[in-house]
């Protein structure tokens, strides 16, 4: 941990360029490059890739880039440059896929609940666009359902966290006994314990809606990146990293 490998360096630079650019372009940058739900008019196919380089705040990008630097270098050295690039973007796309799937389930559940309660399609569409609705619907549908439906369509996903979680899983599988010193834990924790616990926290937060690390976190994107990262690393370890196929 500590050496900046070539691909990690390029990814750091691209992320920083996107972040600085988004500070000048403001909402327009997020309309173009954040990942929107496909029912939202801002959705574009390229956002499945570009959202990985967008971040919502300075602390957001600092934490992600620190993790990319600290854990990405050893993984790139183990996998090789081509395999690492494939791994990074596959984990990020896997995160986007699971996040979108969960959003779709929430969208369909809320949409159908409103129609079943007697709300017209026009009123539902108005809710999705403006967030406005008649309070009479609350007699049949919980307010949380309305909020979840609105947020599923109108809250974009940003950040490299999905790809980072894939890297964390890879690190835990390749270096399970490395002790990590963490800011919020006063004692060193081995990677094979810390990383599974981190993923379980995201699963808990995703299913319950209670987040230990604050709001606005796409927990299922983290889980998706971790899941796809695990599948790829399990397959490659099983096949003993046949480098001739990649480098």
C-alpha atoms as a PDB file:
ATOM      1  CA  UNK A   1       0.000   0.000   0.000  1.00  0.00           C
ATOM      2  CA  UNK A   2       1.380   3.395  -0.941  1.00  0.00           C
ATOM      3  CA  UNK A   3       2.773   3.048  -4.455  1.00  0.00           C
ATOM      4  CA  UNK A   4       0.693   4.765  -7.149  1.00  0.00           C
ATOM      5  CA  UNK A   5       0.495   2.371 -10.081  1.00  0.00           C
ATOM      6  CA  UNK A   6      -0.094   3.639 -13.614  1.00  0.00           C
ATOM      7  CA  UNK A   7      -3.799   2.859 -13.986  1.00  0.00           C
ATOM      8  CA  UNK A   8      -4.610   4.066 -10.487  1.00  0.00           C
ATOM      9  CA  UNK A   9      -2.790   7.324 -11.244  1.00  0.00           C
ATOM     10  CA  UNK A  10      -4.831   7.852 -14.430  1.00  0.00           C
ATOM     11  CA  UNK A  11      -8.085   7.098 -12.595  1.00  0.00           C
ATOM     12  CA  UNK A  12      -7.168   9.571  -9.854  1.00  0.00           C
ATOM     13  CA  UNK A  13      -6.489  12.276 -12.432  1.00  0.00           C
ATOM     14  CA  UNK A  14      -9.741  11.650 -14.328  1.00  0.00           C
ATOM     15  CA  UNK A  15     -11.773  11.726 -11.114  1.00  0.00           C
ATOM     16  CA  UNK A  16     -10.165  14.995 -10.045  1.00  0.00           C
ATOM     17  CA  UNK A  17     -10.772  16.553 -13.484  1.00  0.00           C
ATOM     18  CA  UNK A  18     -14.440  15.549 -13.353  1.00  0.00           C
ATOM     19  CA  UNK A  19     -14.803  16.901  -9.829  1.00  0.00           C
ATOM     20  CA  UNK A  20     -13.191  20.253 -10.624  1.00  0.00           C
ATOM     21  CA  UNK A  21     -15.206  20.525 -13.825  1.00  0.00           C
ATOM     22  CA  UNK A  22     -18.444  19.812 -11.982  1.00  0.00           C
ATOM     23  CA  UNK A  23     -17.709  22.704  -9.623  1.00  0.00           C
ATOM     24  CA  UNK A  24     -17.775  25.066 -12.611  1.00  0.00           C
ATOM     25  CA  UNK A  25     -20.654  23.462 -14.520  1.00  0.00           C
ATOM     26  CA  UNK A  26     -22.816  22.829 -11.442  1.00  0.00           C
ATOM     27  CA  UNK A  27     -26.131  21.044 -11.987  1.00  0.00           C
ATOM     28  CA  UNK A  28     -25.502  20.741 -15.723  1.00  0.00           C
ATOM     29  CA  UNK A  29     -22.577  18.382 -15.095  1.00  0.00           C
ATOM     30  CA  UNK A  30     -24.716  16.168 -12.872  1.00  0.00           C
ATOM     31  CA  UNK A  31     -27.546  16.159 -15.423  1.00  0.00           C
ATOM     32  CA  UNK A  32     -25.113  14.885 -18.050  1.00  0.00           C
ATOM     33  CA  UNK A  33     -22.846  12.524 -16.145  1.00  0.00           C
ATOM     34  CA  UNK A  34     -24.587  11.296 -12.973  1.00  0.00           C
ATOM     35  CA  UNK A  35     -26.566   8.053 -13.283  1.00  0.00           C
ATOM     36  CA  UNK A  36     -30.284   8.814 -13.460  1.00  0.00           C
ATOM     37  CA  UNK A  37     -33.116   6.302 -13.376  1.00  0.00           C
ATOM     38  CA  UNK A  38     -34.293   5.527 -16.912  1.00  0.00           C
ATOM     39  CA  UNK A  39     -37.758   7.004 -16.216  1.00  0.00           C
ATOM     40  CA  UNK A  40     -36.064  10.371 -15.651  1.00  0.00           C
ATOM     41  CA  UNK A  41     -35.601  12.644 -18.662  1.00  0.00           C
ATOM     42  CA  UNK A  42     -31.943  13.185 -17.764  1.00  0.00           C
ATOM     43  CA  UNK A  43     -31.054   9.513 -18.273  1.00  0.00           C
ATOM     44  CA  UNK A  44     -28.439   8.703 -20.919  1.00  0.00           C
ATOM     45  CA  UNK A  45     -26.736   5.318 -21.512  1.00  0.00           C
ATOM     46  CA  UNK A  46     -23.209   6.692 -21.044  1.00  0.00           C
ATOM     47  CA  UNK A  47     -24.044   7.559 -17.445  1.00  0.00           C
ATOM     48  CA  UNK A  48     -23.442   3.931 -16.432  1.00  0.00           C
ATOM     49  CA  UNK A  49     -19.744   4.752 -16.946  1.00  0.00           C
ATOM     50  CA  UNK A  50     -19.494   8.488 -16.295  1.00  0.00           C
ATOM     51  CA  UNK A  51     -21.205   8.349 -12.899  1.00  0.00           C
ATOM     52  CA  UNK A  52     -18.096   6.553 -11.605  1.00  0.00           C
ATOM     53  CA  UNK A  53     -16.131   9.794 -12.007  1.00  0.00           C
ATOM     54  CA  UNK A  54     -18.694  12.125 -10.434  1.00  0.00           C
ATOM     55  CA  UNK A  55     -18.761  12.925  -6.711  1.00  0.00           C
ATOM     56  CA  UNK A  56     -21.193  14.840  -4.569  1.00  0.00           C
ATOM     57  CA  UNK A  57     -18.792  16.611  -2.216  1.00  0.00           C
ATOM     58  CA  UNK A  58     -15.139  17.177  -1.395  1.00  0.00           C
ATOM     59  CA  UNK A  59     -15.223  14.584   1.400  1.00  0.00           C
ATOM     60  CA  UNK A  60     -16.896  12.090  -0.943  1.00  0.00           C
ATOM     61  CA  UNK A  61     -14.080  12.246  -3.482  1.00  0.00           C
ATOM     62  CA  UNK A  62     -11.360  12.368  -0.796  1.00  0.00           C
ATOM     63  CA  UNK A  63     -12.533   9.125   0.819  1.00  0.00           C
ATOM     64  CA  UNK A  64     -12.973   7.351  -2.525  1.00  0.00           C
ATOM     65  CA  UNK A  65      -9.658   8.495  -3.939  1.00  0.00           C
ATOM     66  CA  UNK A  66      -7.853   7.575  -0.726  1.00  0.00           C
ATOM     67  CA  UNK A  67      -9.295   4.054  -0.961  1.00  0.00           C
ATOM     68  CA  UNK A  68      -8.394   3.846  -4.657  1.00  0.00           C
ATOM     69  CA  UNK A  69      -4.810   4.874  -3.887  1.00  0.00           C
ATOM     70  CA  UNK A  70      -4.429   2.679  -0.786  1.00  0.00           C
ATOM     71  CA  UNK A  71      -6.017  -0.528  -2.094  1.00  0.00           C
ATOM     72  CA  UNK A  72      -6.000  -0.143  -5.872  1.00  0.00           C
ATOM     73  CA  UNK A  73      -2.216  -0.172  -6.258  1.00  0.00           C
ATOM     74  CA  UNK A  74      -1.649  -3.605  -4.678  1.00  0.00           C
ATOM     75  CA  UNK A  75      -4.550  -5.061  -6.683  1.00  0.00           C
ATOM     76  CA  UNK A  76      -3.236  -3.635  -9.960  1.00  0.00           C
ATOM     77  CA  UNK A  77       0.184  -5.111  -9.177  1.00  0.00           C
ATOM     78  CA  UNK A  78      -1.413  -8.499  -8.553  1.00  0.00           C
ATOM     79  CA  UNK A  79      -3.771  -8.486 -11.551  1.00  0.00           C
ATOM     80  CA  UNK A  80      -1.771  -6.577 -14.134  1.00  0.00           C
ATOM     81  CA  UNK A  81      -2.923  -3.406 -15.862  1.00  0.00           C
ATOM     82  CA  UNK A  82      -5.382  -4.849 -18.401  1.00  0.00           C
ATOM     83  CA  UNK A  83      -7.079  -7.146 -15.944  1.00  0.00           C
ATOM     84  CA  UNK A  84      -7.265  -4.374 -13.340  1.00  0.00           C
ATOM     85  CA  UNK A  85      -8.976  -2.006 -15.800  1.00  0.00           C
ATOM     86  CA  UNK A  86     -11.489  -4.716 -16.680  1.00  0.00           C
ATOM     87  CA  UNK A  87     -12.035  -5.459 -12.987  1.00  0.00           C
ATOM     88  CA  UNK A  88     -12.495  -1.815 -11.985  1.00  0.00           C
ATOM     89  CA  UNK A  89     -15.074  -0.961 -14.614  1.00  0.00           C
ATOM     90  CA  UNK A  90     -16.879  -4.289 -14.275  1.00  0.00           C
ATOM     91  CA  UNK A  91     -17.304  -3.730 -10.539  1.00  0.00           C
ATOM     92  CA  UNK A  92     -18.526  -0.193 -11.213  1.00  0.00           C
ATOM     93  CA  UNK A  93     -21.013  -1.411 -13.826  1.00  0.00           C
ATOM     94  CA  UNK A  94     -22.145  -4.193 -11.497  1.00  0.00           C
ATOM     95  CA  UNK A  95     -22.792  -1.589  -8.817  1.00  0.00           C
ATOM     96  CA  UNK A  96     -24.818   0.505 -11.271  1.00  0.00           C
ATOM     97  CA  UNK A  97     -26.788  -2.566 -12.350  1.00  0.00           C
ATOM     98  CA  UNK A  98     -27.813  -3.583  -8.821  1.00  0.00           C
ATOM     99  CA  UNK A  99     -28.564   0.022  -7.848  1.00  0.00           C
ATOM    100  CA  UNK A 100     -30.793   0.442 -10.911  1.00  0.00           C
ATOM    101  CA  UNK A 101     -32.492  -2.902 -10.293  1.00  0.00           C
ATOM    102  CA  UNK A 102     -33.351  -1.951  -6.701  1.00  0.00           C
ATOM    103  CA  UNK A 103     -34.555   1.451  -7.909  1.00  0.00           C
ATOM    104  CA  UNK A 104     -36.761  -0.266 -10.475  1.00  0.00           C
ATOM    105  CA  UNK A 105     -38.291  -2.538  -7.822  1.00  0.00           C
ATOM    106  CA  UNK A 106     -38.991   0.464  -5.571  1.00  0.00           C
ATOM    107  CA  UNK A 107     -40.416   2.379  -8.531  1.00  0.00           C
ATOM    108  CA  UNK A 108     -42.762  -0.422  -9.634  1.00  0.00           C
ATOM    109  CA  UNK A 109     -43.867  -1.141  -6.062  1.00  0.00           C
ATOM    110  CA  UNK A 110     -44.698   2.502  -5.364  1.00  0.00           C
ATOM    111  CA  UNK A 111     -46.225   3.146  -8.784  1.00  0.00           C
ATOM    112  CA  UNK A 112     -48.549   0.140  -8.563  1.00  0.00           C
ATOM    113  CA  UNK A 113     -49.486   0.938  -4.960  1.00  0.00           C
ATOM    114  CA  UNK A 114     -50.662   4.404  -6.013  1.00  0.00           C
ATOM    115  CA  UNK A 115     -52.646   3.086  -8.963  1.00  0.00           C
ATOM    116  CA  UNK A 116     -54.232   0.407  -6.767  1.00  0.00           C
ATOM    117  CA  UNK A 117     -55.192   3.132  -4.287  1.00  0.00           C
ATOM    118  CA  UNK A 118     -57.131   4.936  -7.036  1.00  0.00           C
ATOM    119  CA  UNK A 119     -54.605   7.586  -8.024  1.00  0.00           C
ATOM    120  CA  UNK A 120     -54.708   8.403 -11.730  1.00  0.00           C
ATOM    121  CA  UNK A 121     -51.680   7.882 -13.965  1.00  0.00           C
ATOM    122  CA  UNK A 122     -51.596  11.632 -14.585  1.00  0.00           C
ATOM    123  CA  UNK A 123     -51.423  12.349 -10.868  1.00  0.00           C
ATOM    124  CA  UNK A 124     -48.657   9.794 -10.438  1.00  0.00           C
ATOM    125  CA  UNK A 125     -46.681  11.398 -13.267  1.00  0.00           C
ATOM    126  CA  UNK A 126     -47.201  14.792 -11.633  1.00  0.00           C
ATOM    127  CA  UNK A 127     -45.840  13.376  -8.374  1.00  0.00           C
ATOM    128  CA  UNK A 128     -42.773  12.032 -10.177  1.00  0.00           C
ATOM    129  CA  UNK A 129     -42.088  15.411 -11.794  1.00  0.00           C
ATOM    130  CA  UNK A 130     -42.833  17.820  -8.958  1.00  0.00           C
ATOM    131  CA  UNK A 131     -43.165  15.769  -5.768  1.00  0.00           C
ATOM    132  CA  UNK A 132     -46.660  17.218  -5.263  1.00  0.00           C
ATOM    133  CA  UNK A 133     -49.660  15.066  -4.366  1.00  0.00           C
ATOM    134  CA  UNK A 134     -53.042  15.232  -2.685  1.00  0.00           C
ATOM    135  CA  UNK A 135     -52.829  14.427   1.010  1.00  0.00           C
ATOM    136  CA  UNK A 136     -55.971  12.312   0.618  1.00  0.00           C
ATOM    137  CA  UNK A 137     -53.813   9.520  -0.841  1.00  0.00           C
ATOM    138  CA  UNK A 138     -52.116   9.159   2.557  1.00  0.00           C
ATOM    139  CA  UNK A 139     -55.224   7.396   3.815  1.00  0.00           C
ATOM    140  CA  UNK A 140     -54.320   4.485   1.523  1.00  0.00           C
ATOM    141  CA  UNK A 141     -50.577   4.728   0.916  1.00  0.00           C
ATOM    142  CA  UNK A 142     -47.846   5.538   3.494  1.00  0.00           C
ATOM    143  CA  UNK A 143     -45.922   8.755   2.997  1.00  0.00           C
ATOM    144  CA  UNK A 144     -42.685   6.735   2.937  1.00  0.00           C
ATOM    145  CA  UNK A 145     -43.895   4.954  -0.217  1.00  0.00           C
ATOM    146  CA  UNK A 146     -44.474   8.286  -1.958  1.00  0.00           C
ATOM    147  CA  UNK A 147     -41.050   9.552  -0.928  1.00  0.00           C
ATOM    148  CA  UNK A 148     -39.356   6.329  -2.030  1.00  0.00           C
ATOM    149  CA  UNK A 149     -41.086   6.489  -5.417  1.00  0.00           C
ATOM    150  CA  UNK A 150     -40.113  10.117  -5.979  1.00  0.00           C
ATOM    151  CA  UNK A 151     -36.528   9.585  -4.863  1.00  0.00           C
ATOM    152  CA  UNK A 152     -36.077   6.467  -7.010  1.00  0.00           C
ATOM    153  CA  UNK A 153     -36.713   8.558 -10.127  1.00  0.00           C
ATOM    154  CA  UNK A 154     -35.180  11.876  -9.151  1.00  0.00           C
ATOM    155  CA  UNK A 155     -32.071  11.015  -7.128  1.00  0.00           C
ATOM    156  CA  UNK A 156     -29.012  10.327  -9.318  1.00  0.00           C
ATOM    157  CA  UNK A 157     -26.145   8.050  -8.339  1.00  0.00           C
ATOM    158  CA  UNK A 158     -22.601   9.397  -8.336  1.00  0.00           C
ATOM    159  CA  UNK A 159     -19.219   8.192  -7.188  1.00  0.00           C
ATOM    160  CA  UNK A 160     -16.561   5.552  -7.627  1.00  0.00           C
ATOM    161  CA  UNK A 161     -17.751   3.712  -4.521  1.00  0.00           C
ATOM    162  CA  UNK A 162     -19.091   0.681  -6.398  1.00  0.00           C
ATOM    163  CA  UNK A 163     -15.768   0.090  -8.126  1.00  0.00           C
ATOM    164  CA  UNK A 164     -13.950   0.821  -4.854  1.00  0.00           C
ATOM    165  CA  UNK A 165     -15.972  -1.837  -3.045  1.00  0.00           C
ATOM    166  CA  UNK A 166     -14.947  -4.307  -5.720  1.00  0.00           C
ATOM    167  CA  UNK A 167     -11.323  -3.387  -5.038  1.00  0.00           C
ATOM    168  CA  UNK A 168     -11.847  -3.758  -1.284  1.00  0.00           C
ATOM    169  CA  UNK A 169     -13.213  -7.275  -1.771  1.00  0.00           C
ATOM    170  CA  UNK A 170     -10.294  -8.136  -4.034  1.00  0.00           C
ATOM    171  CA  UNK A 171      -7.882  -6.804  -1.398  1.00  0.00           C
ATOM    172  CA  UNK A 172      -9.560  -8.854   1.315  1.00  0.00           C
ATOM    173  CA  UNK A 173      -9.305 -12.003  -0.805  1.00  0.00           C
ATOM    174  CA  UNK A 174      -5.689 -11.451  -1.846  1.00  0.00           C
ATOM    175  CA  UNK A 175      -4.341 -10.008   1.411  1.00  0.00           C
ATOM    176  CA  UNK A 176      -6.711 -11.347   4.100  1.00  0.00           C
ATOM    177  CA  UNK A 177      -4.311 -10.967   7.034  1.00  0.00           C
ATOM    178  CA  UNK A 178      -3.140  -7.417   6.341  1.00  0.00           C
ATOM    179  CA  UNK A 179      -4.019  -5.272   9.352  1.00  0.00           C
ATOM    180  CA  UNK A 180      -5.823  -2.035   8.522  1.00  0.00           C
ATOM    181  CA  UNK A 181      -5.594   1.038  10.715  1.00  0.00           C
ATOM    182  CA  UNK A 182      -8.897   2.888  10.442  1.00  0.00           C
ATOM    183  CA  UNK A 183      -9.811   6.363  11.610  1.00  0.00           C
ATOM    184  CA  UNK A 184     -12.939   5.263  13.461  1.00  0.00           C
ATOM    185  CA  UNK A 185     -11.465   2.061  14.988  1.00  0.00           C
ATOM    186  CA  UNK A 186      -8.633   2.527  17.526  1.00  0.00           C
ATOM    187  CA  UNK A 187      -7.099  -0.934  16.932  1.00  0.00           C
ATOM    188  CA  UNK A 188      -5.852  -2.633  13.746  1.00  0.00           C
ATOM    189  CA  UNK A 189      -8.375  -4.938  12.042  1.00  0.00           C
ATOM    190  CA  UNK A 190      -7.473  -7.659   9.560  1.00  0.00           C
ATOM    191  CA  UNK A 191      -8.866  -7.155   6.073  1.00  0.00           C
ATOM    192  CA  UNK A 192     -10.682 -10.503   6.119  1.00  0.00           C
ATOM    193  CA  UNK A 193     -12.784  -9.273   9.050  1.00  0.00           C
ATOM    194  CA  UNK A 194     -13.186  -5.582   8.285  1.00  0.00           C
ATOM    195  CA  UNK A 195     -14.330  -5.799   4.659  1.00  0.00           C
ATOM    196  CA  UNK A 196     -17.145  -8.371   5.182  1.00  0.00           C
ATOM    197  CA  UNK A 197     -18.417  -6.326   8.139  1.00  0.00           C
ATOM    198  CA  UNK A 198     -18.424  -3.189   5.972  1.00  0.00           C
ATOM    199  CA  UNK A 199     -20.510  -4.967   3.327  1.00  0.00           C
ATOM    200  CA  UNK A 200     -22.917  -6.337   5.951  1.00  0.00           C
ATOM    201  CA  UNK A 201     -23.421  -2.790   7.242  1.00  0.00           C
ATOM    202  CA  UNK A 202     -24.366  -1.696   3.720  1.00  0.00           C
ATOM    203  CA  UNK A 203     -26.785  -4.622   3.397  1.00  0.00           C
ATOM    204  CA  UNK A 204     -28.361  -3.705   6.725  1.00  0.00           C
ATOM    205  CA  UNK A 205     -28.664  -0.048   5.719  1.00  0.00           C
ATOM    206  CA  UNK A 206     -30.031  -0.915   2.279  1.00  0.00           C
ATOM    207  CA  UNK A 207     -32.819  -3.119   3.623  1.00  0.00           C
ATOM    208  CA  UNK A 208     -33.732  -1.065   6.698  1.00  0.00           C
ATOM    209  CA  UNK A 209     -33.117   2.469   5.437  1.00  0.00           C
ATOM    210  CA  UNK A 210     -31.090   3.203   8.572  1.00  0.00           C
ATOM    211  CA  UNK A 211     -27.623   4.408   7.614  1.00  0.00           C
ATOM    212  CA  UNK A 212     -24.762   4.421  10.096  1.00  0.00           C
ATOM    213  CA  UNK A 213     -22.749   6.796   7.897  1.00  0.00           C
ATOM    214  CA  UNK A 214     -25.376   9.396   7.020  1.00  0.00           C
ATOM    215  CA  UNK A 215     -27.947   9.826   4.274  1.00  0.00           C
ATOM    216  CA  UNK A 216     -27.607   9.987   0.513  1.00  0.00           C
ATOM    217  CA  UNK A 217     -25.607   6.745   0.246  1.00  0.00           C
ATOM    218  CA  UNK A 218     -26.420   4.210  -2.474  1.00  0.00           C
ATOM    219  CA  UNK A 219     -25.922   1.159  -0.280  1.00  0.00           C
ATOM    220  CA  UNK A 220     -26.967  -1.377  -2.891  1.00  0.00           C
ATOM    221  CA  UNK A 221     -24.445   0.112  -5.326  1.00  0.00           C
ATOM    222  CA  UNK A 222     -21.764  -0.717  -2.752  1.00  0.00           C
ATOM    223  CA  UNK A 223     -23.140  -4.237  -2.416  1.00  0.00           C
ATOM    224  CA  UNK A 224     -23.278  -4.607  -6.211  1.00  0.00           C
ATOM    225  CA  UNK A 225     -19.651  -3.581  -6.620  1.00  0.00           C
ATOM    226  CA  UNK A 226     -18.610  -5.947  -3.845  1.00  0.00           C
ATOM    227  CA  UNK A 227     -20.635  -8.830  -5.325  1.00  0.00           C
ATOM    228  CA  UNK A 228     -19.258  -8.453  -8.836  1.00  0.00           C
ATOM    229  CA  UNK A 229     -15.757  -7.976  -7.439  1.00  0.00           C
ATOM    230  CA  UNK A 230     -16.080 -11.191  -5.453  1.00  0.00           C
ATOM    231  CA  UNK A 231     -17.341 -13.169  -8.465  1.00  0.00           C
ATOM    232  CA  UNK A 232     -14.468 -12.005 -10.655  1.00  0.00           C
ATOM    233  CA  UNK A 233     -11.798 -12.624  -8.023  1.00  0.00           C
ATOM    234  CA  UNK A 234     -13.244 -16.043  -7.158  1.00  0.00           C
ATOM    235  CA  UNK A 235     -13.186 -17.028 -10.832  1.00  0.00           C
ATOM    236  CA  UNK A 236      -9.651 -15.750 -11.424  1.00  0.00           C
ATOM    237  CA  UNK A 237      -8.276 -17.363  -8.263  1.00  0.00           C
ATOM    238  CA  UNK A 238      -9.933 -20.626  -9.248  1.00  0.00           C
ATOM    239  CA  UNK A 239      -8.216 -20.414 -12.645  1.00  0.00           C
ATOM    240  CA  UNK A 240      -4.900 -19.310 -11.052  1.00  0.00           C
ATOM    241  CA  UNK A 241      -4.655 -15.948 -12.804  1.00  0.00           C
ATOM    242  CA  UNK A 242      -3.828 -17.088 -16.326  1.00  0.00           C
ATOM    243  CA  UNK A 243      -1.889 -13.942 -17.227  1.00  0.00           C
ATOM    244  CA  UNK A 244      -1.301 -15.042 -20.819  1.00  0.00           C
ATOM    245  CA  UNK A 245      -4.923 -14.293 -21.576  1.00  0.00           C
ATOM    246  CA  UNK A 246      -4.559 -10.654 -20.596  1.00  0.00           C
ATOM    247  CA  UNK A 247      -1.024  -9.209 -20.666  1.00  0.00           C
END
